[in-house]
Amino acid sequence: MVPFEAAPRGRVIFLWVLGALFAGVAAAGEQSATDQLKRISHAMRSLSYEGTLVYLHDNRLETLRVIHRVDHGRLHEQIVSQNGPLRTVTREQDQVTCELANANPFSVKRHGVTLDLLRSKGFDPKALTAHYLIHPLGAARIAGRHTDVVGVIPRDELRYGYRFYVDKGTGLPLKSDLIGQTAEPIEQIMFTALTLLPAGTAAETKPEVAPQEVAASHPEATQEGQGQDLWRFTNLPAGFNLVMRDHWRDGARRRVQHFVLSDGLASVSVYVENADPDGLQGSTRIGAIHAAGGRVADHQVTIVGEVPAATVKAVLAGIRYRGPAKP
């Protein structure tokens, strides 16, 4: 089944935080707020740095160490937990390696559309303004550095709001707040220390244990991959579109199909696998992350996203199978 329900609470939260960090979201400034979105995207693609992050959620505080290097256009990134069980994620351009406490390290090699999505791509502010109000919120001091602040406020109740703090000197995001429907922060991520690095700075020592590789198959590599076109999404929440599709085999060699829907800022993952008696039925949540699951055409479908509950439920209600019925 999809790991959301089976994985320990801390592991799920940790991996989702890493996904948000890898996406490179941020904003704000003396320039227009939309221009600052472009500025942040450029900084994330071109600058190397290391620092310490704190992550506040559900009245819990986690500390993370991040090393982010860009060497001749190639991205190398490592994030290590500093409290609680040791957890490390290392990203080397097209491969992500995870080390979790009391578990063998594993790696996933990405291809095609997935690889493009993992890279820090630029935002399209014009597209975002159809569903968000983007405006400056003044200035603040973070990690001893001066930042400009921008608010990204949703125009409906199908997505969360954001508040981003951008370093005046570098354009890097130093703090981000995820804003709920009561206008209060649900989660906060903030640098407490930041050091710029020259491009190509050596990475920290990699895991001594060789990770088990889990290859993510190319969608067009097999007839099964082509079968992903048998799934379609109807009546999606306004602004959300299919931006990625992929598939792989889990530890039990069961095939899992993965789709990502996004409005350009928020994203929702859709996992499709063979019917599983232990699969999620109904809805659940961990902090700002909501999930909904159910059976569609004798498949287990699980929707996970850092979006309001109504959004994941709408995606689940709209997924359709166009293939032949199972015997």
Protein backbone atom coordinates (compact mmCIF):
# COMPACT_ATOMS: atom_id res chain seq x y z
CA MET A 1 0.00 0.00 0.00
CA VAL A 2 0.99 3.64 -0.20
CA PRO A 3 3.44 4.53 2.59
CA PHE A 4 1.32 7.39 4.01
CA GLU A 5 -0.80 5.15 6.21
CA ALA A 6 1.89 2.65 7.15
CA ALA A 7 4.81 4.97 7.83
CA PRO A 8 5.41 6.44 11.31
CA ARG A 9 4.10 9.98 11.79
CA GLY A 10 7.54 11.57 11.97
CA ARG A 11 8.77 9.89 8.79
CA VAL A 12 5.84 11.10 6.71
CA ILE A 13 6.17 14.67 7.97
CA PHE A 14 9.94 14.64 7.40
CA LEU A 15 9.66 13.44 3.80
CA TRP A 16 7.00 16.03 3.00
CA VAL A 17 9.18 18.81 4.42
CA LEU A 18 12.01 17.62 2.19
CA GLY A 19 9.72 17.70 -0.81
CA ALA A 20 8.84 21.30 -0.06
CA LEU A 21 12.51 22.23 0.34
CA PHE A 22 13.48 20.52 -2.93
CA ALA A 23 10.75 22.40 -4.75
CA GLY A 24 12.52 25.69 -3.95
CA VAL A 25 9.42 27.80 -3.20
CA ALA A 26 9.82 31.42 -1.90
CA ALA A 27 9.19 35.19 -2.51
CA ALA A 28 8.97 38.97 -1.62
CA GLY A 29 10.79 42.26 -2.00
CA GLU A 30 11.50 45.82 -2.99
CA GLN A 31 10.69 44.69 -6.50
CA SER A 32 7.10 43.68 -7.18
CA ALA A 33 5.97 40.57 -5.33
CA THR A 34 5.62 38.61 -8.57
CA ASP A 35 9.13 39.64 -9.66
CA GLN A 36 10.43 38.29 -6.36
CA LEU A 37 9.04 34.85 -7.22
CA LYS A 38 11.22 34.84 -10.33
CA ARG A 39 14.20 36.10 -8.31
CA ILE A 40 13.88 33.26 -5.81
CA SER A 41 13.67 30.61 -8.52
CA HIS A 42 16.89 31.94 -10.05
CA ALA A 43 18.69 31.95 -6.67
CA MET A 44 17.69 28.35 -5.94
CA ARG A 45 19.03 27.21 -9.32
CA SER A 46 22.32 29.12 -9.17
CA LEU A 47 23.56 29.55 -5.57
CA SER A 48 25.29 27.11 -3.21
CA TYR A 49 24.81 27.34 0.55
CA GLU A 50 24.62 25.44 3.82
CA GLY A 51 22.64 26.20 6.93
CA THR A 52 20.43 25.12 9.78
CA LEU A 53 16.64 25.04 9.52
CA VAL A 54 13.96 24.78 12.17
CA TYR A 55 10.57 23.29 11.30
CA LEU A 56 7.60 24.04 13.55
CA HIS A 57 4.43 21.98 13.21
CA ASP A 58 1.77 20.65 15.60
CA ASN A 59 3.60 22.34 18.51
CA ARG A 60 6.69 20.27 17.66
CA LEU A 61 10.07 21.70 16.68
CA GLU A 62 12.52 19.84 14.43
CA THR A 63 16.00 20.97 13.44
CA LEU A 64 17.48 20.14 10.02
CA ARG A 65 20.91 20.69 8.49
CA VAL A 66 20.89 21.44 4.75
CA ILE A 67 23.72 21.57 2.20
CA HIS A 68 22.64 22.81 -1.23
CA ARG A 69 25.27 22.94 -3.98
CA VAL A 70 25.06 23.86 -7.66
CA ASP A 71 28.07 22.85 -9.73
CA HIS A 72 28.00 23.70 -13.46
CA GLY A 73 24.21 23.48 -13.47
CA ARG A 74 24.06 20.19 -11.55
CA LEU A 75 22.27 20.11 -8.21
CA HIS A 76 23.58 18.27 -5.13
CA GLU A 77 21.58 18.52 -1.93
CA GLN A 78 21.63 16.86 1.49
CA ILE A 79 19.28 17.32 4.43
CA VAL A 80 20.01 15.73 7.82
CA SER A 81 17.78 15.71 10.91
CA GLN A 82 19.52 17.14 13.98
CA ASN A 83 17.12 15.89 16.65
CA GLY A 84 15.22 12.65 17.15
CA PRO A 85 16.01 9.57 15.00
CA LEU A 86 18.71 10.12 12.37
CA ARG A 87 17.16 10.81 8.98
CA THR A 88 19.07 11.87 5.90
CA VAL A 89 18.03 12.58 2.32
CA THR A 90 20.66 13.17 -0.37
CA ARG A 91 19.77 14.33 -3.85
CA GLU A 92 22.32 14.00 -6.64
CA GLN A 93 20.69 15.53 -9.73
CA ASP A 94 18.61 12.55 -10.90
CA GLN A 95 18.78 10.30 -7.84
CA VAL A 96 17.40 10.65 -4.32
CA THR A 97 18.88 8.53 -1.50
CA CYS A 98 17.08 8.22 1.84
CA GLU A 99 18.44 6.99 5.18
CA LEU A 100 15.86 6.42 7.90
CA ALA A 101 16.51 5.25 11.44
CA ASN A 102 16.56 1.45 11.86
CA ALA A 103 16.17 0.89 8.11
CA ASN A 104 18.48 0.19 5.20
CA PRO A 105 19.13 3.23 2.98
CA PHE A 106 17.37 3.20 -0.37
CA SER A 107 17.61 5.28 -3.49
CA VAL A 108 15.25 6.17 -6.31
CA LYS A 109 16.56 7.05 -9.76
CA ARG A 110 14.33 9.44 -11.63
CA HIS A 111 13.73 9.72 -15.37
CA GLY A 112 11.89 11.86 -17.88
CA VAL A 113 9.10 14.08 -16.60
CA THR A 114 9.91 13.22 -12.99
CA LEU A 115 13.46 14.51 -13.35
CA ASP A 116 12.19 17.76 -14.85
CA LEU A 117 9.80 18.26 -11.95
CA LEU A 118 12.49 17.62 -9.32
CA ARG A 119 14.65 20.40 -10.72
CA SER A 120 13.94 23.87 -9.31
CA LYS A 121 11.84 25.27 -12.11
CA GLY A 122 10.65 28.83 -12.31
CA PHE A 123 7.22 30.01 -11.26
CA ASP A 124 4.69 31.51 -13.61
CA PRO A 125 3.38 34.45 -11.57
CA LYS A 126 0.76 35.28 -14.19
CA ALA A 127 -0.75 31.81 -13.85
CA LEU A 128 -0.62 31.98 -10.05
CA THR A 129 -2.54 35.26 -9.89
CA ALA A 130 -5.62 33.50 -11.28
CA HIS A 131 -5.93 31.65 -7.96
CA TYR A 132 -3.77 33.66 -5.53
CA LEU A 133 -3.45 37.29 -4.53
CA ILE A 134 0.29 38.08 -4.40
CA HIS A 135 1.42 41.22 -2.59
CA PRO A 136 4.35 42.59 -0.49
CA LEU A 137 4.11 42.53 3.32
CA GLY A 138 7.07 44.70 4.33
CA ALA A 139 10.42 43.59 5.73
CA ALA A 140 11.81 41.37 8.51
CA ARG A 141 15.15 40.17 9.87
CA ILE A 142 15.82 36.41 9.69
CA ALA A 143 19.03 34.58 10.67
CA GLY A 144 20.77 37.95 11.08
CA ARG A 145 19.91 38.95 7.49
CA HIS A 146 17.42 41.46 6.10
CA THR A 147 14.52 40.05 4.13
CA ASP A 148 11.52 41.25 2.17
CA VAL A 149 8.21 39.53 2.85
CA VAL A 150 5.46 38.59 0.40
CA GLY A 151 2.02 37.13 0.98
CA VAL A 152 0.40 34.61 -1.34
CA ILE A 153 -3.29 34.51 -0.42
CA PRO A 154 -5.67 31.98 -2.02
CA ARG A 155 -8.77 33.28 -3.76
CA ASP A 156 -10.80 30.22 -2.67
CA GLU A 157 -10.82 27.54 0.05
CA LEU A 158 -9.18 24.83 -2.09
CA ARG A 159 -5.57 25.81 -1.30
CA TYR A 160 -3.51 27.19 1.56
CA GLY A 161 -1.88 30.60 1.73
CA TYR A 162 1.85 31.30 2.05
CA ARG A 163 4.10 33.94 3.53
CA PHE A 164 7.67 33.97 2.21
CA TYR A 165 10.72 35.85 3.48
CA VAL A 166 13.45 36.54 0.91
CA ASP A 167 17.05 37.54 1.62
CA LYS A 168 17.66 41.03 0.20
CA GLY A 169 21.24 40.21 -0.74
CA THR A 170 20.92 36.77 -2.33
CA GLY A 171 17.25 36.22 -3.11
CA LEU A 172 17.25 32.97 -1.13
CA PRO A 173 14.17 32.04 0.92
CA LEU A 174 15.01 32.25 4.63
CA LYS A 175 11.58 31.57 6.10
CA SER A 176 8.19 30.34 4.93
CA ASP A 177 4.84 30.13 6.67
CA LEU A 178 2.00 27.91 5.53
CA ILE A 179 -1.23 29.78 6.29
CA GLY A 180 -4.50 28.01 7.06
CA GLN A 181 -8.05 29.17 6.53
CA THR A 182 -8.05 30.99 9.89
CA ALA A 183 -5.11 33.13 8.67
CA GLU A 184 -2.85 31.54 11.30
CA PRO A 185 0.36 29.62 10.41
CA ILE A 186 -0.06 25.84 10.24
CA GLU A 187 3.62 25.16 9.65
CA GLN A 188 6.75 27.30 9.64
CA ILE A 189 10.22 26.62 8.19
CA MET A 190 13.05 29.05 9.00
CA PHE A 191 16.82 29.30 8.63
CA THR A 192 18.61 30.07 11.89
CA ALA A 193 22.02 30.15 10.16
CA LEU A 194 23.06 30.46 6.51
CA THR A 195 26.48 30.42 4.84
CA LEU A 196 27.03 30.90 1.11
CA LEU A 197 29.37 28.38 -0.53
CA PRO A 198 31.43 28.50 -3.71
CA ALA A 199 29.97 26.33 -6.45
CA GLY A 200 31.23 22.75 -6.35
CA THR A 201 32.00 22.67 -2.61
CA ALA A 202 32.61 19.10 -1.51
CA ALA A 203 29.59 17.32 -0.07
CA GLU A 204 29.48 15.70 3.35
CA THR A 205 30.40 12.05 3.68
CA LYS A 206 27.81 9.82 2.08
CA PRO A 207 26.27 6.78 3.82
CA GLU A 208 28.76 3.97 4.46
CA VAL A 209 26.11 1.35 3.68
CA ALA A 210 25.42 1.00 -0.01
CA PRO A 211 21.78 1.99 -0.60
CA GLN A 212 19.33 -0.37 -2.22
CA GLU A 213 18.31 1.11 -5.53
CA VAL A 214 14.66 1.25 -6.47
CA ALA A 215 14.45 2.20 -10.13
CA ALA A 216 11.58 4.38 -11.27
CA SER A 217 10.63 3.09 -14.72
CA HIS A 218 10.24 5.40 -17.66
CA PRO A 219 6.52 5.81 -18.43
CA GLU A 220 6.95 4.80 -22.08
CA ALA A 221 9.37 1.95 -21.42
CA THR A 222 6.76 -0.81 -21.14
CA GLN A 223 3.24 -1.60 -22.16
CA GLU A 224 2.28 -1.19 -18.51
CA GLY A 225 3.68 2.33 -18.54
CA GLN A 226 1.53 3.19 -21.54
CA GLY A 227 -1.43 1.97 -19.51
CA GLN A 228 -1.14 5.05 -17.33
CA ASP A 229 -3.11 6.83 -20.05
CA LEU A 230 -6.05 4.69 -18.95
CA TRP A 231 -6.44 6.95 -15.94
CA ARG A 232 -7.93 10.41 -16.30
CA PHE A 233 -8.97 13.20 -13.97
CA THR A 234 -12.32 14.95 -14.24
CA ASN A 235 -13.73 17.97 -12.41
CA LEU A 236 -10.37 18.87 -10.90
CA PRO A 237 -10.25 21.76 -8.40
CA ALA A 238 -9.82 25.03 -10.29
CA GLY A 239 -6.23 25.61 -11.43
CA PHE A 240 -4.92 22.09 -10.82
CA ASN A 241 -3.48 20.22 -13.79
CA LEU A 242 -1.55 16.98 -14.33
CA VAL A 243 2.17 17.88 -14.32
CA MET A 244 3.87 14.52 -13.75
CA ARG A 245 3.29 10.79 -14.14
CA ASP A 246 5.56 7.92 -13.19
CA HIS A 247 5.49 4.33 -11.97
CA TRP A 248 7.69 1.90 -10.05
CA ARG A 249 7.71 -1.42 -8.18
CA ASP A 250 7.50 -1.34 -4.40
CA GLY A 251 9.43 -3.65 -2.05
CA ALA A 252 6.96 -6.47 -2.74
CA ARG A 253 7.36 -5.91 -6.52
CA ARG A 254 3.84 -4.51 -6.77
CA ARG A 255 3.36 -1.84 -9.38
CA VAL A 256 2.50 1.66 -8.14
CA GLN A 257 1.47 4.48 -10.46
CA HIS A 258 2.14 8.02 -9.34
CA PHE A 259 0.58 11.22 -10.67
CA VAL A 260 1.21 14.78 -9.52
CA LEU A 261 -1.35 17.56 -9.91
CA SER A 262 -0.39 21.19 -9.29
CA ASP A 263 -1.73 24.72 -9.56
CA GLY A 264 1.83 26.06 -9.92
CA LEU A 265 2.38 26.34 -6.17
CA ALA A 266 0.39 23.70 -4.28
CA SER A 267 0.63 20.05 -5.35
CA VAL A 268 -1.28 16.81 -4.83
CA SER A 269 0.10 13.29 -5.33
CA VAL A 270 -2.12 10.47 -6.59
CA TYR A 271 -1.03 6.85 -6.02
CA VAL A 272 -2.75 3.98 -7.84
CA GLU A 273 -2.06 0.32 -7.08
CA ASN A 274 -3.84 -3.01 -7.05
CA ALA A 275 -6.64 -3.31 -4.51
CA ASP A 276 -5.16 -3.59 -1.02
CA PRO A 277 -7.28 -4.65 2.00
CA ASP A 278 -5.09 -2.40 4.16
CA GLY A 279 -5.39 0.61 1.87
CA LEU A 280 -6.73 3.90 3.18
CA GLN A 281 -10.51 4.14 3.00
CA GLY A 282 -11.91 7.56 3.77
CA SER A 283 -9.76 10.48 4.89
CA THR A 284 -7.04 11.32 7.42
CA ARG A 285 -4.55 14.09 8.14
CA ILE A 286 -1.14 14.81 9.67
CA GLY A 287 -0.74 18.51 10.33
CA ALA A 288 -1.36 20.38 7.08
CA ILE A 289 -1.14 17.18 5.02
CA HIS A 290 -4.50 15.67 4.08
CA ALA A 291 -5.09 12.28 2.50
CA ALA A 292 -8.11 10.50 1.06
CA GLY A 293 -8.34 6.95 -0.24
CA GLY A 294 -10.78 4.51 -1.78
CA ARG A 295 -11.41 1.89 -4.44
CA VAL A 296 -11.75 2.85 -8.09
CA ALA A 297 -12.32 0.07 -10.66
CA ASP A 298 -10.82 -2.52 -8.30
CA HIS A 299 -7.70 -0.40 -7.70
CA GLN A 300 -6.59 1.28 -4.50
CA VAL A 301 -6.32 5.05 -5.06
CA THR A 302 -4.73 7.30 -2.44
CA ILE A 303 -4.54 11.09 -2.69
CA VAL A 304 -2.02 13.01 -0.53
CA GLY A 305 -1.34 16.74 -0.51
CA GLU A 306 -0.44 19.77 1.58
CA VAL A 307 -3.83 21.22 0.72
CA PRO A 308 -7.23 21.46 2.47
CA ALA A 309 -9.25 18.26 2.91
CA ALA A 310 -11.85 19.37 0.33
CA THR A 311 -9.16 19.41 -2.38
CA VAL A 312 -7.94 15.82 -1.94
CA LYS A 313 -11.55 14.62 -1.70
CA ALA A 314 -12.41 16.39 -4.96
CA VAL A 315 -9.44 14.79 -6.74
CA LEU A 316 -10.45 11.32 -5.50
CA ALA A 317 -14.05 11.85 -6.62
CA GLY A 318 -12.91 12.87 -10.10
CA ILE A 319 -10.47 10.07 -10.98
CA ARG A 320 -11.72 7.70 -13.68
CA TYR A 321 -10.46 4.40 -15.12
CA ARG A 322 -10.88 3.95 -18.87
CA GLY A 323 -9.31 0.50 -19.23
CA PRO A 324 -10.90 -2.93 -19.52
CA ALA A 325 -12.49 -4.42 -16.43
CA LYS A 326 -10.39 -6.93 -14.50
CA PRO A 327 -11.43 -10.57 -14.98
